[in-house]
Amino acid sequence: MSENKNISIKDVAKHANVSTATVSHVINGTRFVSEDTKQKVMRAMDELNYRVNVVARSLRSRKSYVIAFLAPILASETSNHFFMSVAAGIQSVLKQNQYHLMLSDSHEEEEFEKEEIRMLGSQMIDGLIMAPSSRETDYEQLFGDYPVVYVDRVPNNSDRDSVVVDNRSVSKDAVEMLIRRGHKRIAYLSGPNTLTTTEERFAGYLEALSEAGLAEDKELVCTGEVSLDSGYKLTESLLAHKPTAIFATDNVMAMGAMMYMQENQIKVPDQVAVVAYDEFQWTRVTTPPLTVIEQPAFDLGVKAAEVMLERIDNADAPLSQHRLSGKLIVRQSC
């Protein structure tokens, strides 16, 4: 069972001062073991350099102990940091429970995503955590006989477990903050309204305007391709309608907006205030530092992994839906 042929399960049990049966239950997840005992066994395994033979274990249990994570990871996008942080959160939980993570990229393209789902199904995975690239796709016809947890986004008519950010509430908070600071012409800069994330952010924007007695001005709403160049050009179009603030729902587009204003000597926040998703290192070093909405990416991954393992343990448990809170970080751009 071990890569180190000199170390056996009996050695681990002796080192941890527990029975061999307890070590087996920790490795295979076949019976409840207290968290203290589990940590004691895992420390013993680490200290003895004991490694579980996953192939042998999967043959005994008909489990692979592999969870796949499928998300859009685009080489040109700084938003990769978000999904890699989600992956790190997933990995932190899986590692504690003797599971392994398989990372896969959907390229944010529906057909490529379908091929990846089919490929993952052929790998005998125990579960799939995914950030879907489309709201309209009928994913159920693609999934195999394994549990699925949606993270960050959910498709239409989903009856799967999900873990997302409460985008509507934190977006509303951000726009309300701009309104309290005297802004009435607040522009909305976003990617296409094709995902639940962007839909909720727009809903929060509209709700804040409505409750403040401000009507939506369609000239101040700009959506387009998610890219730096798109953010740059759309900001140029928006500024023709004289907004006093911009709410950008994507960090790449926000970068384009800041670039346009800096190149054209438009003072932030004196002439135009800016609030954007998400928190990245570059947002702290712009002139001025950017006010942002920070999403709990790592925590999303942690919760998604916990929900997945709970679903594996209890396939008949009620549907689990979780909404985590984002955080508004106010800096000098508004």
Protein backbone atom coordinates (compact mmCIF):
# COMPACT_ATOMS: atom_id res chain seq x y z
CA MET A 1 0.00 0.00 0.00
CA SER A 2 2.85 2.39 0.59
CA GLU A 3 5.44 3.89 -1.71
CA ASN A 4 7.89 3.33 1.13
CA LYS A 5 7.99 -0.46 1.34
CA ASN A 6 9.52 -0.28 4.83
CA ILE A 7 6.50 1.48 6.29
CA SER A 8 3.19 -0.30 6.79
CA ILE A 9 -0.23 0.63 8.13
CA LYS A 10 0.79 -1.03 11.39
CA ASP A 11 3.73 1.34 11.69
CA VAL A 12 1.41 4.33 11.20
CA ALA A 13 -0.99 2.98 13.85
CA LYS A 14 1.85 2.46 16.34
CA HIS A 15 3.30 5.93 15.66
CA ALA A 16 -0.12 7.57 16.15
CA ASN A 17 -0.97 5.34 19.11
CA VAL A 18 -4.23 4.14 17.51
CA SER A 19 -5.47 0.86 16.11
CA THR A 20 -4.79 -0.29 12.54
CA ALA A 21 -8.57 -0.22 12.02
CA THR A 22 -8.65 3.49 12.90
CA VAL A 23 -5.88 4.23 10.39
CA SER A 24 -7.83 2.28 7.76
CA HIS A 25 -11.01 4.26 8.50
CA VAL A 26 -9.11 7.56 8.15
CA ILE A 27 -7.58 6.49 4.83
CA ASN A 28 -10.76 5.03 3.35
CA GLY A 29 -13.40 7.22 5.00
CA THR A 30 -15.34 4.11 5.99
CA ARG A 31 -16.33 5.19 9.49
CA PHE A 32 -16.49 8.39 11.53
CA VAL A 33 -13.21 9.31 13.18
CA SER A 34 -12.90 12.36 15.43
CA GLU A 35 -11.03 15.32 13.99
CA ASP A 36 -8.29 15.10 16.66
CA THR A 37 -7.67 11.43 15.90
CA LYS A 38 -7.77 12.04 12.16
CA GLN A 39 -5.13 14.78 12.47
CA LYS A 40 -2.99 12.51 14.66
CA VAL A 41 -3.08 9.76 12.02
CA MET A 42 -2.34 12.19 9.20
CA ARG A 43 0.64 13.63 11.10
CA ALA A 44 1.95 10.11 11.62
CA MET A 45 1.60 9.40 7.90
CA ASP A 46 3.52 12.58 7.07
CA GLU A 47 6.25 11.95 9.62
CA LEU A 48 6.76 8.38 8.39
CA ASN A 49 6.48 9.39 4.73
CA TYR A 50 3.64 6.90 4.33
CA ARG A 51 1.76 7.27 1.03
CA VAL A 52 -1.56 5.62 0.24
CA ASN A 53 -1.64 3.44 -2.87
CA VAL A 54 -4.61 5.13 -4.57
CA VAL A 55 -4.99 2.42 -7.20
CA ALA A 56 -5.26 -0.34 -4.64
CA ARG A 57 -7.62 1.70 -2.51
CA SER A 58 -9.87 2.48 -5.49
CA LEU A 59 -10.05 -1.20 -6.43
CA ARG A 60 -11.22 -2.05 -2.92
CA SER A 61 -13.71 0.79 -2.63
CA ARG A 62 -14.57 1.40 -6.30
CA LYS A 63 -13.63 5.03 -5.70
CA SER A 64 -10.90 7.00 -7.40
CA TYR A 65 -10.49 9.61 -4.65
CA VAL A 66 -10.21 12.22 -7.40
CA ILE A 67 -12.39 15.35 -7.61
CA ALA A 68 -12.26 17.39 -10.81
CA PHE A 69 -12.50 21.18 -10.98
CA LEU A 70 -13.59 22.59 -14.34
CA ALA A 71 -13.34 26.37 -14.77
CA PRO A 72 -12.43 28.98 -17.40
CA ILE A 73 -8.71 29.66 -17.15
CA LEU A 74 -7.78 32.06 -19.94
CA ALA A 75 -4.10 32.82 -20.48
CA SER A 76 -4.70 36.51 -21.18
CA GLU A 77 -6.96 37.24 -18.22
CA THR A 78 -5.97 38.42 -14.76
CA SER A 79 -9.22 36.81 -13.56
CA ASN A 80 -7.30 33.53 -13.64
CA HIS A 81 -6.15 34.51 -10.16
CA PHE A 82 -9.75 34.22 -8.99
CA PHE A 83 -10.28 30.66 -10.18
CA MET A 84 -6.81 29.55 -9.12
CA SER A 85 -7.65 30.87 -5.64
CA VAL A 86 -10.88 28.84 -5.76
CA ALA A 87 -8.80 25.79 -6.77
CA ALA A 88 -6.45 26.39 -3.84
CA GLY A 89 -9.42 26.40 -1.47
CA ILE A 90 -10.71 23.14 -2.94
CA GLN A 91 -7.29 21.55 -2.70
CA SER A 92 -6.88 22.52 0.96
CA VAL A 93 -9.98 20.53 1.91
CA LEU A 94 -9.37 17.57 -0.39
CA LYS A 95 -5.82 17.12 0.87
CA GLN A 96 -7.06 16.89 4.46
CA ASN A 97 -9.45 14.15 3.41
CA GLN A 98 -7.02 12.10 1.30
CA TYR A 99 -8.61 13.16 -2.01
CA HIS A 100 -6.83 14.50 -5.07
CA LEU A 101 -7.69 17.44 -7.32
CA MET A 102 -7.81 17.26 -11.12
CA LEU A 103 -7.85 20.73 -12.73
CA SER A 104 -9.42 21.25 -16.15
CA ASP A 105 -9.94 24.35 -18.33
CA SER A 106 -13.18 25.12 -20.20
CA HIS A 107 -11.69 28.14 -22.06
CA GLU A 108 -15.08 29.81 -21.37
CA GLU A 109 -16.27 28.04 -24.57
CA GLU A 110 -19.36 25.85 -24.50
CA GLU A 111 -18.23 23.19 -26.99
CA PHE A 112 -14.77 22.87 -25.46
CA GLU A 113 -16.40 22.62 -22.03
CA LYS A 114 -18.63 19.76 -23.20
CA GLU A 115 -15.60 17.83 -24.43
CA GLU A 116 -13.86 18.37 -21.09
CA ILE A 117 -16.89 17.06 -19.17
CA ARG A 118 -16.95 13.94 -21.35
CA MET A 119 -13.22 13.44 -20.85
CA LEU A 120 -13.47 13.86 -17.08
CA GLY A 121 -16.30 11.32 -16.96
CA SER A 122 -14.01 8.77 -18.57
CA GLN A 123 -11.43 9.27 -15.80
CA MET A 124 -13.58 7.64 -13.09
CA ILE A 125 -13.78 10.80 -11.00
CA ASP A 126 -15.71 10.76 -7.72
CA GLY A 127 -17.18 14.22 -8.26
CA LEU A 128 -17.08 17.39 -10.36
CA ILE A 129 -16.90 20.98 -9.11
CA MET A 130 -17.46 23.41 -11.97
CA ALA A 131 -17.97 27.06 -12.90
CA PRO A 132 -20.24 26.70 -15.96
CA SER A 133 -19.52 28.81 -19.04
CA SER A 134 -23.19 29.06 -20.02
CA ARG A 135 -26.55 29.52 -18.36
CA GLU A 136 -28.43 27.80 -21.18
CA THR A 137 -26.55 24.50 -21.61
CA ASP A 138 -28.34 21.34 -20.50
CA TYR A 139 -25.45 20.00 -18.44
CA GLU A 140 -27.43 17.11 -16.99
CA GLN A 141 -27.21 15.18 -20.25
CA LEU A 142 -23.40 15.47 -20.10
CA PHE A 143 -22.78 14.41 -16.51
CA GLY A 144 -21.94 10.88 -15.49
CA ASP A 145 -22.92 9.03 -12.35
CA TYR A 146 -21.12 11.35 -9.94
CA PRO A 147 -22.13 14.34 -7.80
CA VAL A 148 -21.72 17.88 -9.15
CA VAL A 149 -21.28 21.14 -7.24
CA TYR A 150 -21.56 24.47 -9.08
CA VAL A 151 -19.22 27.20 -7.87
CA ASP A 152 -19.36 30.96 -8.56
CA ARG A 153 -22.10 30.53 -11.21
CA VAL A 154 -25.12 28.31 -11.80
CA PRO A 155 -26.95 27.42 -15.02
CA ASN A 156 -30.69 27.77 -15.49
CA ASN A 157 -32.92 25.14 -13.89
CA SER A 158 -30.11 23.76 -11.74
CA ASP A 159 -30.96 21.12 -9.17
CA ARG A 160 -27.38 20.62 -7.99
CA ASP A 161 -25.54 21.86 -4.93
CA SER A 162 -24.03 25.32 -5.41
CA VAL A 163 -21.66 27.77 -3.72
CA VAL A 164 -21.69 31.35 -5.01
CA VAL A 165 -21.02 34.94 -3.96
CA ASP A 166 -23.96 37.17 -3.06
CA ASN A 167 -23.12 39.49 -5.94
CA ARG A 168 -26.39 41.39 -5.81
CA SER A 169 -26.01 42.58 -2.22
CA VAL A 170 -22.38 43.66 -2.42
CA SER A 171 -22.93 45.39 -5.78
CA LYS A 172 -25.84 47.28 -4.25
CA ASP A 173 -23.60 48.28 -1.33
CA ALA A 174 -20.98 49.66 -3.73
CA VAL A 175 -23.46 51.74 -5.75
CA GLU A 176 -25.17 52.99 -2.59
CA MET A 177 -21.78 54.17 -1.34
CA LEU A 178 -21.31 56.16 -4.57
CA ILE A 179 -24.80 57.66 -4.19
CA ARG A 180 -24.08 58.72 -0.59
CA ARG A 181 -21.02 60.53 -1.93
CA GLY A 182 -23.22 62.61 -4.18
CA HIS A 183 -23.07 60.69 -7.46
CA LYS A 184 -26.27 60.56 -9.53
CA ARG A 185 -24.87 59.66 -12.95
CA ILE A 186 -23.30 56.27 -12.25
CA ALA A 187 -22.23 54.29 -15.31
CA TYR A 188 -22.29 50.49 -15.48
CA LEU A 189 -19.41 48.76 -17.32
CA SER A 190 -19.63 44.99 -17.72
CA GLY A 191 -19.11 41.90 -19.81
CA PRO A 192 -22.12 40.26 -21.53
CA ASN A 193 -25.08 39.64 -19.25
CA THR A 194 -24.93 35.89 -19.92
CA LEU A 195 -23.90 34.54 -16.51
CA THR A 196 -25.64 34.61 -13.15
CA THR A 197 -22.73 36.62 -11.74
CA THR A 198 -23.19 39.53 -14.16
CA GLU A 199 -26.97 39.32 -13.93
CA GLU A 200 -26.84 39.68 -10.15
CA ARG A 201 -24.34 42.54 -10.29
CA PHE A 202 -26.59 44.44 -12.68
CA ALA A 203 -29.60 43.74 -10.45
CA GLY A 204 -27.74 45.19 -7.45
CA TYR A 205 -26.80 48.28 -9.48
CA LEU A 206 -30.42 48.84 -10.54
CA GLU A 207 -31.78 48.22 -7.04
CA ALA A 208 -29.47 50.83 -5.51
CA LEU A 209 -30.52 53.40 -8.14
CA SER A 210 -34.21 52.64 -7.69
CA GLU A 211 -34.16 52.92 -3.90
CA ALA A 212 -32.40 56.28 -4.22
CA GLY A 213 -35.06 57.53 -6.64
CA LEU A 214 -32.65 57.51 -9.60
CA ALA A 215 -33.91 56.22 -12.95
CA GLU A 216 -31.81 53.88 -15.08
CA ASP A 217 -30.12 55.76 -17.91
CA LYS A 218 -29.48 53.26 -20.73
CA GLU A 219 -26.79 55.55 -22.15
CA LEU A 220 -24.81 54.88 -18.99
CA VAL A 221 -25.02 51.08 -19.32
CA CYS A 222 -22.26 49.54 -21.46
CA THR A 223 -21.63 45.83 -21.92
CA GLY A 224 -19.19 44.14 -24.24
CA GLU A 225 -16.37 41.65 -24.62
CA VAL A 226 -14.39 41.00 -21.46
CA SER A 227 -10.96 42.36 -22.39
CA LEU A 228 -8.68 45.28 -21.62
CA ASP A 229 -9.22 46.76 -25.08
CA SER A 230 -13.00 46.50 -24.69
CA GLY A 231 -12.89 48.25 -21.30
CA TYR A 232 -10.75 51.00 -22.83
CA LYS A 233 -13.08 51.63 -25.80
CA LEU A 234 -16.33 51.34 -23.83
CA THR A 235 -15.04 53.84 -21.27
CA GLU A 236 -14.45 56.29 -24.10
CA SER A 237 -18.09 55.81 -25.19
CA LEU A 238 -19.42 56.12 -21.65
CA LEU A 239 -17.59 59.36 -20.90
CA ALA A 240 -19.35 61.04 -23.84
CA HIS A 241 -22.49 60.85 -21.65
CA LYS A 242 -20.77 62.53 -18.70
CA PRO A 243 -21.05 60.05 -15.83
CA THR A 244 -19.55 61.11 -12.52
CA ALA A 245 -18.79 57.52 -11.51
CA ILE A 246 -18.21 54.11 -13.12
CA PHE A 247 -19.13 50.76 -11.58
CA ALA A 248 -17.12 48.06 -13.42
CA THR A 249 -18.09 44.43 -12.82
CA ASP A 250 -14.90 42.91 -14.25
CA ASN A 251 -11.30 43.63 -13.27
CA VAL A 252 -9.91 43.37 -16.81
CA MET A 253 -12.43 45.90 -18.11
CA ALA A 254 -11.70 48.11 -15.08
CA MET A 255 -8.03 48.02 -16.03
CA GLY A 256 -8.97 49.22 -19.52
CA ALA A 257 -11.09 52.00 -18.04
CA MET A 258 -8.28 53.20 -15.78
CA MET A 259 -5.84 53.10 -18.69
CA TYR A 260 -8.12 55.26 -20.84
CA MET A 261 -8.60 57.85 -18.12
CA GLN A 262 -4.91 58.04 -17.27
CA GLU A 263 -3.94 58.42 -20.95
CA ASN A 264 -6.53 61.17 -21.39
CA GLN A 265 -5.66 62.93 -18.13
CA ILE A 266 -9.12 62.41 -16.65
CA LYS A 267 -8.70 62.76 -12.90
CA VAL A 268 -9.95 59.94 -10.68
CA PRO A 269 -11.97 60.55 -8.52
CA ASP A 270 -12.19 64.32 -9.04
CA GLN A 271 -13.80 63.98 -12.47
CA VAL A 272 -14.91 60.34 -12.47
CA ALA A 273 -15.01 57.96 -9.50
CA VAL A 274 -14.39 54.24 -10.07
CA VAL A 275 -15.45 51.10 -8.20
CA ALA A 276 -14.67 47.65 -9.61
CA TYR A 277 -14.53 43.91 -9.08
CA ASP A 278 -12.07 42.33 -7.92
CA GLU A 279 -9.17 42.67 -5.46
CA PHE A 280 -5.79 42.21 -7.18
CA GLN A 281 -2.35 43.59 -6.48
CA TRP A 282 -2.56 45.99 -9.42
CA THR A 283 -5.65 47.67 -7.94
CA ARG A 284 -3.52 48.89 -5.01
CA VAL A 285 -0.84 50.55 -7.16
CA THR A 286 -2.98 52.48 -9.63
CA THR A 287 -3.14 56.26 -9.36
CA PRO A 288 -5.16 56.52 -7.22
CA PRO A 289 -5.54 53.04 -5.61
CA LEU A 290 -8.82 51.48 -6.72
CA THR A 291 -11.92 50.92 -4.61
CA VAL A 292 -12.91 47.29 -5.18
CA ILE A 293 -15.28 44.50 -4.28
CA GLU A 294 -13.24 41.58 -2.98
CA GLN A 295 -14.72 38.15 -3.60
CA PRO A 296 -13.96 35.33 -1.13
CA ALA A 297 -12.40 33.10 -3.80
CA PHE A 298 -10.47 30.78 -1.48
CA ASP A 299 -13.49 30.39 0.81
CA LEU A 300 -15.66 29.55 -2.21
CA GLY A 301 -13.32 26.68 -2.96
CA VAL A 302 -13.26 25.50 0.65
CA LYS A 303 -17.04 25.46 0.91
CA ALA A 304 -17.48 23.81 -2.51
CA ALA A 305 -15.13 21.00 -1.51
CA GLU A 306 -16.88 20.55 1.83
CA VAL A 307 -20.26 20.38 0.10
CA MET A 308 -18.85 17.86 -2.40
CA LEU A 309 -17.52 15.53 0.30
CA GLU A 310 -20.81 15.78 2.20
CA ARG A 311 -22.67 14.86 -0.99
CA ILE A 312 -20.38 11.88 -1.59
CA ASP A 313 -21.08 10.68 1.95
CA ASN A 314 -24.85 11.24 1.65
CA ALA A 315 -26.21 11.15 -1.89
CA ASP A 316 -29.78 11.64 -0.65
CA ALA A 317 -29.16 14.76 1.47
CA PRO A 318 -31.30 17.86 0.70
CA LEU A 319 -30.06 20.30 -1.92
CA SER A 320 -27.31 22.55 -0.53
CA GLN A 321 -27.08 26.16 -1.71
CA HIS A 322 -24.65 28.61 -0.15
CA ARG A 323 -24.11 32.35 -0.71
CA LEU A 324 -20.91 33.87 0.63
CA SER A 325 -20.51 37.61 1.20
CA GLY A 326 -18.20 39.86 -0.79
CA LYS A 327 -16.37 42.77 0.82
CA LEU A 328 -16.28 46.39 -0.30
CA ILE A 329 -12.77 47.82 0.12
CA VAL A 330 -12.86 51.62 -0.10
CA ARG A 331 -9.72 53.36 -1.38
CA GLN A 332 -9.04 56.68 -3.07
CA SER A 333 -10.77 56.14 -6.44
CA CYS A 334 -14.22 57.26 -5.26
